[in-house]
């Protein structure tokens, strides 16, 4: 009887429920994914953020190239033989009518540089995506299956890496002829092997992990294990290498265009402008300066942003910073 009264005693304390431990107005602590952690760290990198803003501006200008041309009133291929050339037939320096001067045919250099950014970004991004897709698939297959499959694919990767890029590109373009499609394919063909080597090295260690063995013991297929269990764990180095491969592809396209092996004229390309300026750089510095600056700023922005992404995805950097701060605190 006493026990029953105690149970129903209004003065008795109420039982503590786990949910009641959470204070009112206090938010729960939720875990963050590796991508969220990397983005949080990347936002603290001022150089990477400035580079990202520069990249965004370049992309916006490339997309708005027709609008820019209409505002300026000059098309990328419009030739102004009288207004755009000096009486001696030389390129005209920067003026109010031509912001960055003209080229040897009297075309507006500013408009052509804006249009050239479209080709550079298109070739750089498209060839990189193709190279990454092919490299990831071959790297995962080689690292997961091992044995004779790994041996054959690894030797294929080494063979592609050993082929000189320029000599092979000259031979291929000489046979097929220069075009945008050929440029993308050539750059992608010589870029996938480096991605495959990185992914293969990661998969060789990941395939021995416990969760892979557990998925295999539960009857999961090889395709599911490779692309559901293993692929998400190699995305970090793939993302980092992708950001660093885009500027390499942009420079490769400019190199091919400079040699006359890229996108054929009259399409505006930065490499083609640099090639055309060789005969005029002594008397028309702007013809060489502005396309070169556009190429330099773009590749530098991508490289700096890629360095920031690499640091953000590298967990060792946090431990290094923590160790350095602890050492400084001990010294104080």
C-alpha atoms as a PDB file:
ATOM      1  CA  UNK A   1       0.000   0.000   0.000  1.00  0.00           C
ATOM      2  CA  UNK A   2       2.818   2.357   0.861  1.00  0.00           C
ATOM      3  CA  UNK A   3       4.483   1.620  -2.437  1.00  0.00           C
ATOM      4  CA  UNK A   4       1.343   2.496  -4.395  1.00  0.00           C
ATOM      5  CA  UNK A   5       0.980   5.797  -2.552  1.00  0.00           C
ATOM      6  CA  UNK A   6       4.586   6.651  -3.292  1.00  0.00           C
ATOM      7  CA  UNK A   7       4.055   5.988  -6.951  1.00  0.00           C
ATOM      8  CA  UNK A   8       1.110   8.389  -7.125  1.00  0.00           C
ATOM      9  CA  UNK A   9       2.510  10.994  -4.739  1.00  0.00           C
ATOM     10  CA  UNK A  10       2.337  14.367  -6.517  1.00  0.00           C
ATOM     11  CA  UNK A  11       5.364  15.559  -4.566  1.00  0.00           C
ATOM     12  CA  UNK A  12       7.529  12.738  -5.863  1.00  0.00           C
ATOM     13  CA  UNK A  13      10.045  13.814  -8.560  1.00  0.00           C
ATOM     14  CA  UNK A  14       9.179  12.947 -12.126  1.00  0.00           C
ATOM     15  CA  UNK A  15      11.383  10.414 -13.890  1.00  0.00           C
ATOM     16  CA  UNK A  16      14.138  11.890 -16.049  1.00  0.00           C
ATOM     17  CA  UNK A  17      13.639  11.182 -19.732  1.00  0.00           C
ATOM     18  CA  UNK A  18      16.703  11.384 -22.028  1.00  0.00           C
ATOM     19  CA  UNK A  19      15.012  14.003 -24.224  1.00  0.00           C
ATOM     20  CA  UNK A  20      14.542  16.230 -21.157  1.00  0.00           C
ATOM     21  CA  UNK A  21      18.300  16.509 -20.796  1.00  0.00           C
ATOM     22  CA  UNK A  22      18.361  18.849 -23.772  1.00  0.00           C
ATOM     23  CA  UNK A  23      18.065  22.435 -22.615  1.00  0.00           C
ATOM     24  CA  UNK A  24      15.409  24.623 -24.130  1.00  0.00           C
ATOM     25  CA  UNK A  25      16.761  26.839 -26.906  1.00  0.00           C
ATOM     26  CA  UNK A  26      19.986  24.854 -27.185  1.00  0.00           C
ATOM     27  CA  UNK A  27      20.588  23.339 -30.617  1.00  0.00           C
ATOM     28  CA  UNK A  28      21.754  19.799 -31.049  1.00  0.00           C
ATOM     29  CA  UNK A  29      25.275  19.073 -32.194  1.00  0.00           C
ATOM     30  CA  UNK A  30      25.098  17.443 -35.582  1.00  0.00           C
ATOM     31  CA  UNK A  31      27.939  15.789 -37.428  1.00  0.00           C
ATOM     32  CA  UNK A  32      29.118  17.254 -40.717  1.00  0.00           C
ATOM     33  CA  UNK A  33      30.045  15.413 -43.868  1.00  0.00           C
ATOM     34  CA  UNK A  34      33.604  15.561 -45.289  1.00  0.00           C
ATOM     35  CA  UNK A  35      32.370  17.914 -48.020  1.00  0.00           C
ATOM     36  CA  UNK A  36      30.880  20.280 -45.441  1.00  0.00           C
ATOM     37  CA  UNK A  37      34.086  20.205 -43.411  1.00  0.00           C
ATOM     38  CA  UNK A  38      36.157  20.867 -46.534  1.00  0.00           C
ATOM     39  CA  UNK A  39      33.915  23.787 -47.574  1.00  0.00           C
ATOM     40  CA  UNK A  40      34.094  25.277 -44.077  1.00  0.00           C
ATOM     41  CA  UNK A  41      37.877  25.140 -44.225  1.00  0.00           C
ATOM     42  CA  UNK A  42      37.990  26.411 -47.807  1.00  0.00           C
ATOM     43  CA  UNK A  43      35.944  29.482 -46.874  1.00  0.00           C
ATOM     44  CA  UNK A  44      38.674  30.492 -44.414  1.00  0.00           C
ATOM     45  CA  UNK A  45      41.256  30.463 -47.205  1.00  0.00           C
ATOM     46  CA  UNK A  46      41.231  34.053 -48.494  1.00  0.00           C
ATOM     47  CA  UNK A  47      43.434  33.318 -51.497  1.00  0.00           C
ATOM     48  CA  UNK A  48      41.171  30.468 -52.624  1.00  0.00           C
ATOM     49  CA  UNK A  49      38.067  32.605 -52.183  1.00  0.00           C
ATOM     50  CA  UNK A  50      39.539  35.481 -54.198  1.00  0.00           C
ATOM     51  CA  UNK A  51      40.532  32.986 -56.891  1.00  0.00           C
ATOM     52  CA  UNK A  52      36.998  31.595 -56.892  1.00  0.00           C
ATOM     53  CA  UNK A  53      35.596  35.105 -57.400  1.00  0.00           C
ATOM     54  CA  UNK A  54      37.993  35.664 -60.320  1.00  0.00           C
ATOM     55  CA  UNK A  55      36.933  32.346 -61.866  1.00  0.00           C
ATOM     56  CA  UNK A  56      33.280  33.292 -61.440  1.00  0.00           C
ATOM     57  CA  UNK A  57      33.878  36.646 -63.167  1.00  0.00           C
ATOM     58  CA  UNK A  58      35.641  34.922 -66.087  1.00  0.00           C
ATOM     59  CA  UNK A  59      32.771  32.450 -66.452  1.00  0.00           C
ATOM     60  CA  UNK A  60      30.178  35.246 -66.366  1.00  0.00           C
ATOM     61  CA  UNK A  61      32.063  37.227 -69.021  1.00  0.00           C
ATOM     62  CA  UNK A  62      32.371  34.124 -71.188  1.00  0.00           C
ATOM     63  CA  UNK A  63      28.651  33.430 -70.960  1.00  0.00           C
ATOM     64  CA  UNK A  64      27.814  37.095 -71.618  1.00  0.00           C
ATOM     65  CA  UNK A  65      30.193  37.438 -74.595  1.00  0.00           C
ATOM     66  CA  UNK A  66      27.398  38.151 -77.127  1.00  0.00           C
ATOM     67  CA  UNK A  67      25.961  40.775 -74.778  1.00  0.00           C
ATOM     68  CA  UNK A  68      29.382  42.398 -74.391  1.00  0.00           C
ATOM     69  CA  UNK A  69      29.839  42.447 -78.164  1.00  0.00           C
ATOM     70  CA  UNK A  70      26.453  44.101 -78.661  1.00  0.00           C
ATOM     71  CA  UNK A  71      27.205  46.716 -76.007  1.00  0.00           C
ATOM     72  CA  UNK A  72      30.593  47.522 -77.532  1.00  0.00           C
ATOM     73  CA  UNK A  73      29.192  47.399 -81.043  1.00  0.00           C
ATOM     74  CA  UNK A  74      31.975  45.181 -82.422  1.00  0.00           C
ATOM     75  CA  UNK A  75      31.683  41.532 -83.375  1.00  0.00           C
ATOM     76  CA  UNK A  76      34.544  39.117 -82.730  1.00  0.00           C
ATOM     77  CA  UNK A  77      35.245  38.722 -86.454  1.00  0.00           C
ATOM     78  CA  UNK A  78      34.375  42.252 -87.612  1.00  0.00           C
ATOM     79  CA  UNK A  79      37.317  43.903 -89.371  1.00  0.00           C
ATOM     80  CA  UNK A  80      37.755  47.659 -89.222  1.00  0.00           C
ATOM     81  CA  UNK A  81      40.402  48.319 -91.827  1.00  0.00           C
ATOM     82  CA  UNK A  82      40.208  52.107 -91.510  1.00  0.00           C
ATOM     83  CA  UNK A  83      39.213  52.759 -87.901  1.00  0.00           C
ATOM     84  CA  UNK A  84      41.059  49.767 -86.477  1.00  0.00           C
ATOM     85  CA  UNK A  85      44.416  50.142 -88.228  1.00  0.00           C
ATOM     86  CA  UNK A  86      46.978  52.926 -88.371  1.00  0.00           C
ATOM     87  CA  UNK A  87      47.833  54.598 -91.715  1.00  0.00           C
ATOM     88  CA  UNK A  88      50.811  52.231 -91.861  1.00  0.00           C
ATOM     89  CA  UNK A  89      48.505  49.214 -91.595  1.00  0.00           C
ATOM     90  CA  UNK A  90      49.556  48.326 -88.048  1.00  0.00           C
ATOM     91  CA  UNK A  91      47.288  47.405 -85.119  1.00  0.00           C
ATOM     92  CA  UNK A  92      45.791  50.401 -83.362  1.00  0.00           C
ATOM     93  CA  UNK A  93      46.595  50.997 -79.668  1.00  0.00           C
ATOM     94  CA  UNK A  94      43.904  51.112 -76.947  1.00  0.00           C
ATOM     95  CA  UNK A  95      41.475  53.984 -77.458  1.00  0.00           C
ATOM     96  CA  UNK A  96      37.951  54.860 -76.406  1.00  0.00           C
ATOM     97  CA  UNK A  97      36.593  52.962 -79.388  1.00  0.00           C
ATOM     98  CA  UNK A  98      38.834  49.915 -78.903  1.00  0.00           C
ATOM     99  CA  UNK A  99      39.452  49.375 -75.184  1.00  0.00           C
ATOM    100  CA  UNK A 100      42.352  46.948 -75.623  1.00  0.00           C
ATOM    101  CA  UNK A 101      43.390  47.968 -79.106  1.00  0.00           C
ATOM    102  CA  UNK A 102      43.079  45.935 -82.292  1.00  0.00           C
ATOM    103  CA  UNK A 103      44.871  43.043 -83.946  1.00  0.00           C
ATOM    104  CA  UNK A 104      46.591  42.930 -87.326  1.00  0.00           C
ATOM    105  CA  UNK A 105      43.233  42.694 -89.150  1.00  0.00           C
ATOM    106  CA  UNK A 106      41.612  45.612 -87.321  1.00  0.00           C
ATOM    107  CA  UNK A 107      39.435  43.440 -85.056  1.00  0.00           C
ATOM    108  CA  UNK A 108      38.509  44.505 -81.526  1.00  0.00           C
ATOM    109  CA  UNK A 109      40.971  42.718 -79.233  1.00  0.00           C
ATOM    110  CA  UNK A 110      38.788  43.096 -76.122  1.00  0.00           C
ATOM    111  CA  UNK A 111      35.807  41.367 -77.743  1.00  0.00           C
ATOM    112  CA  UNK A 112      38.003  38.612 -79.145  1.00  0.00           C
ATOM    113  CA  UNK A 113      39.554  37.978 -75.728  1.00  0.00           C
ATOM    114  CA  UNK A 114      36.087  37.638 -74.189  1.00  0.00           C
ATOM    115  CA  UNK A 115      35.097  35.187 -76.919  1.00  0.00           C
ATOM    116  CA  UNK A 116      38.417  33.372 -76.518  1.00  0.00           C
ATOM    117  CA  UNK A 117      37.574  32.690 -72.882  1.00  0.00           C
ATOM    118  CA  UNK A 118      34.590  30.630 -74.053  1.00  0.00           C
ATOM    119  CA  UNK A 119      36.845  28.311 -76.057  1.00  0.00           C
ATOM    120  CA  UNK A 120      39.408  28.035 -73.270  1.00  0.00           C
ATOM    121  CA  UNK A 121      36.826  27.238 -70.585  1.00  0.00           C
ATOM    122  CA  UNK A 122      34.878  24.881 -72.842  1.00  0.00           C
ATOM    123  CA  UNK A 123      37.943  22.886 -73.839  1.00  0.00           C
ATOM    124  CA  UNK A 124      39.416  22.971 -70.327  1.00  0.00           C
ATOM    125  CA  UNK A 125      36.263  21.813 -68.531  1.00  0.00           C
ATOM    126  CA  UNK A 126      35.017  19.347 -71.152  1.00  0.00           C
ATOM    127  CA  UNK A 127      38.341  17.602 -71.698  1.00  0.00           C
ATOM    128  CA  UNK A 128      38.900  17.438 -67.941  1.00  0.00           C
ATOM    129  CA  UNK A 129      35.489  15.866 -67.309  1.00  0.00           C
ATOM    130  CA  UNK A 130      36.116  13.243 -69.999  1.00  0.00           C
ATOM    131  CA  UNK A 131      39.596  12.504 -68.652  1.00  0.00           C
ATOM    132  CA  UNK A 132      38.362  12.239 -65.057  1.00  0.00           C
ATOM    133  CA  UNK A 133      35.457   9.954 -66.004  1.00  0.00           C
ATOM    134  CA  UNK A 134      37.698   7.586 -67.982  1.00  0.00           C
ATOM    135  CA  UNK A 135      40.508   7.717 -65.424  1.00  0.00           C
ATOM    136  CA  UNK A 136      38.209   7.006 -62.467  1.00  0.00           C
ATOM    137  CA  UNK A 137      36.619   3.972 -64.149  1.00  0.00           C
ATOM    138  CA  UNK A 138      39.934   2.472 -65.268  1.00  0.00           C
ATOM    139  CA  UNK A 139      41.609   3.230 -61.934  1.00  0.00           C
ATOM    140  CA  UNK A 140      38.824   1.613 -59.908  1.00  0.00           C
ATOM    141  CA  UNK A 141      38.712  -1.474 -62.129  1.00  0.00           C
ATOM    142  CA  UNK A 142      42.488  -1.911 -62.025  1.00  0.00           C
ATOM    143  CA  UNK A 143      42.787  -1.393 -58.278  1.00  0.00           C
ATOM    144  CA  UNK A 144      39.769  -3.499 -57.317  1.00  0.00           C
ATOM    145  CA  UNK A 145      40.318  -6.628 -59.418  1.00  0.00           C
ATOM    146  CA  UNK A 146      44.122  -6.713 -59.259  1.00  0.00           C
ATOM    147  CA  UNK A 147      45.965  -9.610 -60.826  1.00  0.00           C
ATOM    148  CA  UNK A 148      46.171  -9.759 -64.599  1.00  0.00           C
ATOM    149  CA  UNK A 149      43.559  -6.984 -64.972  1.00  0.00           C
ATOM    150  CA  UNK A 150      45.639  -4.623 -62.863  1.00  0.00           C
ATOM    151  CA  UNK A 151      48.827  -5.573 -64.695  1.00  0.00           C
ATOM    152  CA  UNK A 152      47.362  -4.901 -68.144  1.00  0.00           C
ATOM    153  CA  UNK A 153      45.690  -1.615 -67.180  1.00  0.00           C
ATOM    154  CA  UNK A 154      48.728  -0.409 -65.229  1.00  0.00           C
ATOM    155  CA  UNK A 155      50.971  -1.023 -68.255  1.00  0.00           C
ATOM    156  CA  UNK A 156      48.430   0.837 -70.413  1.00  0.00           C
ATOM    157  CA  UNK A 157      48.559   3.785 -68.022  1.00  0.00           C
ATOM    158  CA  UNK A 158      52.369   3.791 -68.091  1.00  0.00           C
ATOM    159  CA  UNK A 159      52.349   3.652 -71.903  1.00  0.00           C
ATOM    160  CA  UNK A 160      50.048   6.672 -72.245  1.00  0.00           C
ATOM    161  CA  UNK A 161      52.104   8.614 -69.704  1.00  0.00           C
ATOM    162  CA  UNK A 162      55.282   7.927 -71.680  1.00  0.00           C
ATOM    163  CA  UNK A 163      53.936   9.307 -74.999  1.00  0.00           C
ATOM    164  CA  UNK A 164      55.126  12.892 -75.732  1.00  0.00           C
ATOM    165  CA  UNK A 165      52.062  15.101 -75.788  1.00  0.00           C
ATOM    166  CA  UNK A 166      53.095  17.639 -78.431  1.00  0.00           C
ATOM    167  CA  UNK A 167      54.551  15.142 -80.886  1.00  0.00           C
ATOM    168  CA  UNK A 168      51.499  12.906 -80.670  1.00  0.00           C
ATOM    169  CA  UNK A 169      49.152  15.900 -80.938  1.00  0.00           C
ATOM    170  CA  UNK A 170      50.946  17.154 -84.048  1.00  0.00           C
ATOM    171  CA  UNK A 171      50.689  13.712 -85.645  1.00  0.00           C
ATOM    172  CA  UNK A 172      47.004  13.289 -84.782  1.00  0.00           C
ATOM    173  CA  UNK A 173      45.972  16.777 -85.913  1.00  0.00           C
ATOM    174  CA  UNK A 174      48.004  16.449 -89.117  1.00  0.00           C
ATOM    175  CA  UNK A 175      45.948  13.370 -90.003  1.00  0.00           C
ATOM    176  CA  UNK A 176      42.495  14.476 -88.847  1.00  0.00           C
ATOM    177  CA  UNK A 177      42.803  18.247 -89.246  1.00  0.00           C
ATOM    178  CA  UNK A 178      42.406  20.917 -86.528  1.00  0.00           C
ATOM    179  CA  UNK A 179      38.993  21.326 -84.918  1.00  0.00           C
ATOM    180  CA  UNK A 180      37.386  21.868 -81.531  1.00  0.00           C
ATOM    181  CA  UNK A 181      36.385  18.200 -81.231  1.00  0.00           C
ATOM    182  CA  UNK A 182      39.863  16.938 -82.046  1.00  0.00           C
ATOM    183  CA  UNK A 183      41.389  19.350 -79.535  1.00  0.00           C
ATOM    184  CA  UNK A 184      39.124  18.114 -76.735  1.00  0.00           C
ATOM    185  CA  UNK A 185      39.767  14.446 -77.570  1.00  0.00           C
ATOM    186  CA  UNK A 186      43.547  14.873 -77.792  1.00  0.00           C
ATOM    187  CA  UNK A 187      43.787  16.698 -74.451  1.00  0.00           C
ATOM    188  CA  UNK A 188      41.461  14.216 -72.732  1.00  0.00           C
ATOM    189  CA  UNK A 189      43.387  11.237 -74.132  1.00  0.00           C
ATOM    190  CA  UNK A 190      46.650  12.433 -72.618  1.00  0.00           C
ATOM    191  CA  UNK A 191      45.084  13.434 -69.272  1.00  0.00           C
ATOM    192  CA  UNK A 192      43.094  10.388 -68.103  1.00  0.00           C
ATOM    193  CA  UNK A 193      46.166   8.282 -67.317  1.00  0.00           C
ATOM    194  CA  UNK A 194      47.342  10.498 -64.457  1.00  0.00           C
ATOM    195  CA  UNK A 195      43.847  10.386 -62.916  1.00  0.00           C
ATOM    196  CA  UNK A 196      43.738   6.600 -63.289  1.00  0.00           C
ATOM    197  CA  UNK A 197      47.089   6.198 -61.534  1.00  0.00           C
ATOM    198  CA  UNK A 198      45.932   8.256 -58.526  1.00  0.00           C
ATOM    199  CA  UNK A 199      42.606   6.396 -58.250  1.00  0.00           C
ATOM    200  CA  UNK A 200      44.278   3.002 -58.655  1.00  0.00           C
ATOM    201  CA  UNK A 201      46.638   3.708 -55.766  1.00  0.00           C
ATOM    202  CA  UNK A 202      43.738   4.707 -53.530  1.00  0.00           C
ATOM    203  CA  UNK A 203      41.629   1.678 -54.436  1.00  0.00           C
ATOM    204  CA  UNK A 204      44.488  -0.753 -53.777  1.00  0.00           C
ATOM    205  CA  UNK A 205      44.373   0.214 -50.099  1.00  0.00           C
ATOM    206  CA  UNK A 206      40.605   0.744 -49.803  1.00  0.00           C
ATOM    207  CA  UNK A 207      39.666  -2.674 -51.170  1.00  0.00           C
ATOM    208  CA  UNK A 208      41.160  -4.320 -48.061  1.00  0.00           C
ATOM    209  CA  UNK A 209      39.015  -2.310 -45.624  1.00  0.00           C
ATOM    210  CA  UNK A 210      36.465  -3.984 -43.370  1.00  0.00           C
ATOM    211  CA  UNK A 211      33.383  -2.412 -44.952  1.00  0.00           C
ATOM    212  CA  UNK A 212      34.408  -3.722 -48.381  1.00  0.00           C
ATOM    213  CA  UNK A 213      34.864  -7.212 -46.961  1.00  0.00           C
ATOM    214  CA  UNK A 214      31.487  -6.925 -45.235  1.00  0.00           C
ATOM    215  CA  UNK A 215      29.759  -5.873 -48.468  1.00  0.00           C
ATOM    216  CA  UNK A 216      31.411  -8.754 -50.306  1.00  0.00           C
ATOM    217  CA  UNK A 217      30.330 -11.254 -47.621  1.00  0.00           C
ATOM    218  CA  UNK A 218      26.737  -9.998 -47.871  1.00  0.00           C
ATOM    219  CA  UNK A 219      26.707 -10.891 -51.561  1.00  0.00           C
ATOM    220  CA  UNK A 220      27.088  -7.427 -53.082  1.00  0.00           C
ATOM    221  CA  UNK A 221      28.150  -7.436 -56.724  1.00  0.00           C
ATOM    222  CA  UNK A 222      31.549  -6.162 -57.819  1.00  0.00           C
ATOM    223  CA  UNK A 223      29.950  -3.218 -59.626  1.00  0.00           C
ATOM    224  CA  UNK A 224      28.060  -2.173 -56.517  1.00  0.00           C
ATOM    225  CA  UNK A 225      31.160  -2.442 -54.336  1.00  0.00           C
ATOM    226  CA  UNK A 226      33.267  -0.422 -56.790  1.00  0.00           C
ATOM    227  CA  UNK A 227      30.825   2.412 -57.442  1.00  0.00           C
ATOM    228  CA  UNK A 228      28.796   2.515 -54.207  1.00  0.00           C
ATOM    229  CA  UNK A 229      31.269   1.550 -51.482  1.00  0.00           C
ATOM    230  CA  UNK A 230      34.673   2.490 -52.938  1.00  0.00           C
ATOM    231  CA  UNK A 231      33.998   5.426 -55.291  1.00  0.00           C
ATOM    232  CA  UNK A 232      32.748   7.872 -52.593  1.00  0.00           C
ATOM    233  CA  UNK A 233      35.980   7.290 -50.668  1.00  0.00           C
ATOM    234  CA  UNK A 234      38.184   8.340 -53.596  1.00  0.00           C
ATOM    235  CA  UNK A 235      36.191  11.451 -54.540  1.00  0.00           C
ATOM    236  CA  UNK A 236      38.329  13.793 -52.428  1.00  0.00           C
ATOM    237  CA  UNK A 237      41.595  13.261 -54.368  1.00  0.00           C
ATOM    238  CA  UNK A 238      39.621  13.185 -57.628  1.00  0.00           C
ATOM    239  CA  UNK A 239      38.030  16.575 -56.889  1.00  0.00           C
ATOM    240  CA  UNK A 240      41.403  18.030 -55.968  1.00  0.00           C
ATOM    241  CA  UNK A 241      43.070  16.746 -59.119  1.00  0.00           C
ATOM    242  CA  UNK A 242      40.163  17.949 -61.258  1.00  0.00           C
ATOM    243  CA  UNK A 243      40.623  21.538 -60.099  1.00  0.00           C
ATOM    244  CA  UNK A 244      44.327  21.283 -60.919  1.00  0.00           C
ATOM    245  CA  UNK A 245      43.778  19.579 -64.278  1.00  0.00           C
ATOM    246  CA  UNK A 246      41.513  22.302 -65.704  1.00  0.00           C
ATOM    247  CA  UNK A 247      44.285  24.950 -65.982  1.00  0.00           C
ATOM    248  CA  UNK A 248      46.609  22.342 -67.503  1.00  0.00           C
ATOM    249  CA  UNK A 249      43.984  21.637 -70.165  1.00  0.00           C
ATOM    250  CA  UNK A 250      43.516  25.362 -70.805  1.00  0.00           C
ATOM    251  CA  UNK A 251      47.253  25.809 -71.327  1.00  0.00           C
ATOM    252  CA  UNK A 252      47.326  22.729 -73.571  1.00  0.00           C
ATOM    253  CA  UNK A 253      44.567  24.197 -75.746  1.00  0.00           C
ATOM    254  CA  UNK A 254      46.412  27.524 -75.948  1.00  0.00           C
ATOM    255  CA  UNK A 255      49.594  25.675 -76.909  1.00  0.00           C
ATOM    256  CA  UNK A 256      47.874  23.754 -79.692  1.00  0.00           C
ATOM    257  CA  UNK A 257      46.197  26.930 -80.981  1.00  0.00           C
ATOM    258  CA  UNK A 258      49.516  28.781 -80.834  1.00  0.00           C
ATOM    259  CA  UNK A 259      51.057  26.071 -83.029  1.00  0.00           C
ATOM    260  CA  UNK A 260      48.103  26.161 -85.423  1.00  0.00           C
ATOM    261  CA  UNK A 261      46.878  22.727 -84.260  1.00  0.00           C
ATOM    262  CA  UNK A 262      43.913  23.799 -82.134  1.00  0.00           C
ATOM    263  CA  UNK A 263      40.671  25.497 -83.038  1.00  0.00           C
ATOM    264  CA  UNK A 264      41.128  26.930 -86.557  1.00  0.00           C
ATOM    265  CA  UNK A 265      40.657  30.651 -87.319  1.00  0.00           C
ATOM    266  CA  UNK A 266      38.719  32.887 -87.474  1.00  0.00           C
ATOM    267  CA  UNK A 267      37.463  31.502 -84.140  1.00  0.00           C
ATOM    268  CA  UNK A 268      38.936  33.624 -81.355  1.00  0.00           C
ATOM    269  CA  UNK A 269      41.376  31.728 -79.124  1.00  0.00           C
ATOM    270  CA  UNK A 270      44.007  33.050 -76.760  1.00  0.00           C
ATOM    271  CA  UNK A 271      46.693  30.854 -78.265  1.00  0.00           C
ATOM    272  CA  UNK A 272      45.782  31.994 -81.764  1.00  0.00           C
ATOM    273  CA  UNK A 273      46.032  35.646 -80.698  1.00  0.00           C
ATOM    274  CA  UNK A 274      49.455  35.047 -79.191  1.00  0.00           C
ATOM    275  CA  UNK A 275      50.536  33.397 -82.428  1.00  0.00           C
ATOM    276  CA  UNK A 276      49.291  36.343 -84.476  1.00  0.00           C
ATOM    277  CA  UNK A 277      51.082  38.854 -82.233  1.00  0.00           C
ATOM    278  CA  UNK A 278      54.565  37.467 -82.876  1.00  0.00           C
ATOM    279  CA  UNK A 279      55.146  39.692 -85.896  1.00  0.00           C
ATOM    280  CA  UNK A 280      53.837  42.829 -84.156  1.00  0.00           C
ATOM    281  CA  UNK A 281      54.911  42.679 -80.503  1.00  0.00           C
ATOM    282  CA  UNK A 282      57.677  45.255 -81.076  1.00  0.00           C
ATOM    283  CA  UNK A 283      55.259  47.877 -82.387  1.00  0.00           C
ATOM    284  CA  UNK A 284      51.978  46.677 -80.809  1.00  0.00           C
ATOM    285  CA  UNK A 285      52.683  45.465 -77.278  1.00  0.00           C
ATOM    286  CA  UNK A 286      48.960  45.293 -76.434  1.00  0.00           C
ATOM    287  CA  UNK A 287      48.451  42.580 -79.051  1.00  0.00           C
ATOM    288  CA  UNK A 288      50.683  40.260 -77.008  1.00  0.00           C
ATOM    289  CA  UNK A 289      50.040  41.673 -73.527  1.00  0.00           C
ATOM    290  CA  UNK A 290      46.273  41.359 -73.115  1.00  0.00           C
ATOM    291  CA  UNK A 291      45.765  37.793 -74.429  1.00  0.00           C
ATOM    292  CA  UNK A 292      48.774  36.720 -72.360  1.00  0.00           C
ATOM    293  CA  UNK A 293      47.342  38.371 -69.249  1.00  0.00           C
ATOM    294  CA  UNK A 294      43.982  36.684 -69.823  1.00  0.00           C
ATOM    295  CA  UNK A 295      45.669  33.286 -70.035  1.00  0.00           C
ATOM    296  CA  UNK A 296      47.882  34.016 -67.016  1.00  0.00           C
ATOM    297  CA  UNK A 297      45.062  35.263 -64.779  1.00  0.00           C
ATOM    298  CA  UNK A 298      42.788  32.343 -65.659  1.00  0.00           C
ATOM    299  CA  UNK A 299      45.359  29.609 -65.091  1.00  0.00           C
ATOM    300  CA  UNK A 300      46.692  31.292 -61.948  1.00  0.00           C
ATOM    301  CA  UNK A 301      43.190  31.573 -60.477  1.00  0.00           C
ATOM    302  CA  UNK A 302      42.459  27.901 -61.146  1.00  0.00           C
ATOM    303  CA  UNK A 303      45.812  26.830 -59.714  1.00  0.00           C
ATOM    304  CA  UNK A 304      45.418  28.868 -56.534  1.00  0.00           C
ATOM    305  CA  UNK A 305      41.878  27.615 -56.082  1.00  0.00           C
ATOM    306  CA  UNK A 306      43.072  24.064 -56.663  1.00  0.00           C
ATOM    307  CA  UNK A 307      45.742  24.496 -53.979  1.00  0.00           C
ATOM    308  CA  UNK A 308      43.060  25.679 -51.578  1.00  0.00           C
ATOM    309  CA  UNK A 309      40.838  22.709 -52.401  1.00  0.00           C
ATOM    310  CA  UNK A 310      43.769  20.357 -51.854  1.00  0.00           C
ATOM    311  CA  UNK A 311      44.473  21.858 -48.430  1.00  0.00           C
ATOM    312  CA  UNK A 312      40.772  21.733 -47.523  1.00  0.00           C
ATOM    313  CA  UNK A 313      40.469  18.038 -48.338  1.00  0.00           C
ATOM    314  CA  UNK A 314      43.748  17.115 -46.629  1.00  0.00           C
ATOM    315  CA  UNK A 315      42.971  16.137 -43.013  1.00  0.00           C
ATOM    316  CA  UNK A 316      46.654  16.191 -42.118  1.00  0.00           C
ATOM    317  CA  UNK A 317      46.797  19.966 -42.468  1.00  0.00           C
ATOM    318  CA  UNK A 318      44.407  20.366 -39.517  1.00  0.00           C
ATOM    319  CA  UNK A 319      46.650  18.214 -37.365  1.00  0.00           C
ATOM    320  CA  UNK A 320      49.698  20.161 -38.467  1.00  0.00           C
ATOM    321  CA  UNK A 321      48.040  23.493 -37.623  1.00  0.00           C
ATOM    322  CA  UNK A 322      46.887  22.094 -34.269  1.00  0.00           C
ATOM    323  CA  UNK A 323      50.394  20.866 -33.470  1.00  0.00           C
ATOM    324  CA  UNK A 324      51.922  24.234 -34.390  1.00  0.00           C
ATOM    325  CA  UNK A 325      49.408  26.132 -32.253  1.00  0.00           C
ATOM    326  CA  UNK A 326      50.000  23.805 -29.296  1.00  0.00           C
ATOM    327  CA  UNK A 327      53.744  24.309 -29.631  1.00  0.00           C
ATOM    328  CA  UNK A 328      53.338  28.083 -29.678  1.00  0.00           C
ATOM    329  CA  UNK A 329      51.099  27.918 -26.604  1.00  0.00           C
ATOM    330  CA  UNK A 330      53.680  25.859 -24.746  1.00  0.00           C
ATOM    331  CA  UNK A 331      56.390  28.371 -25.603  1.00  0.00           C
ATOM    332  CA  UNK A 332      54.258  31.191 -24.249  1.00  0.00           C
END
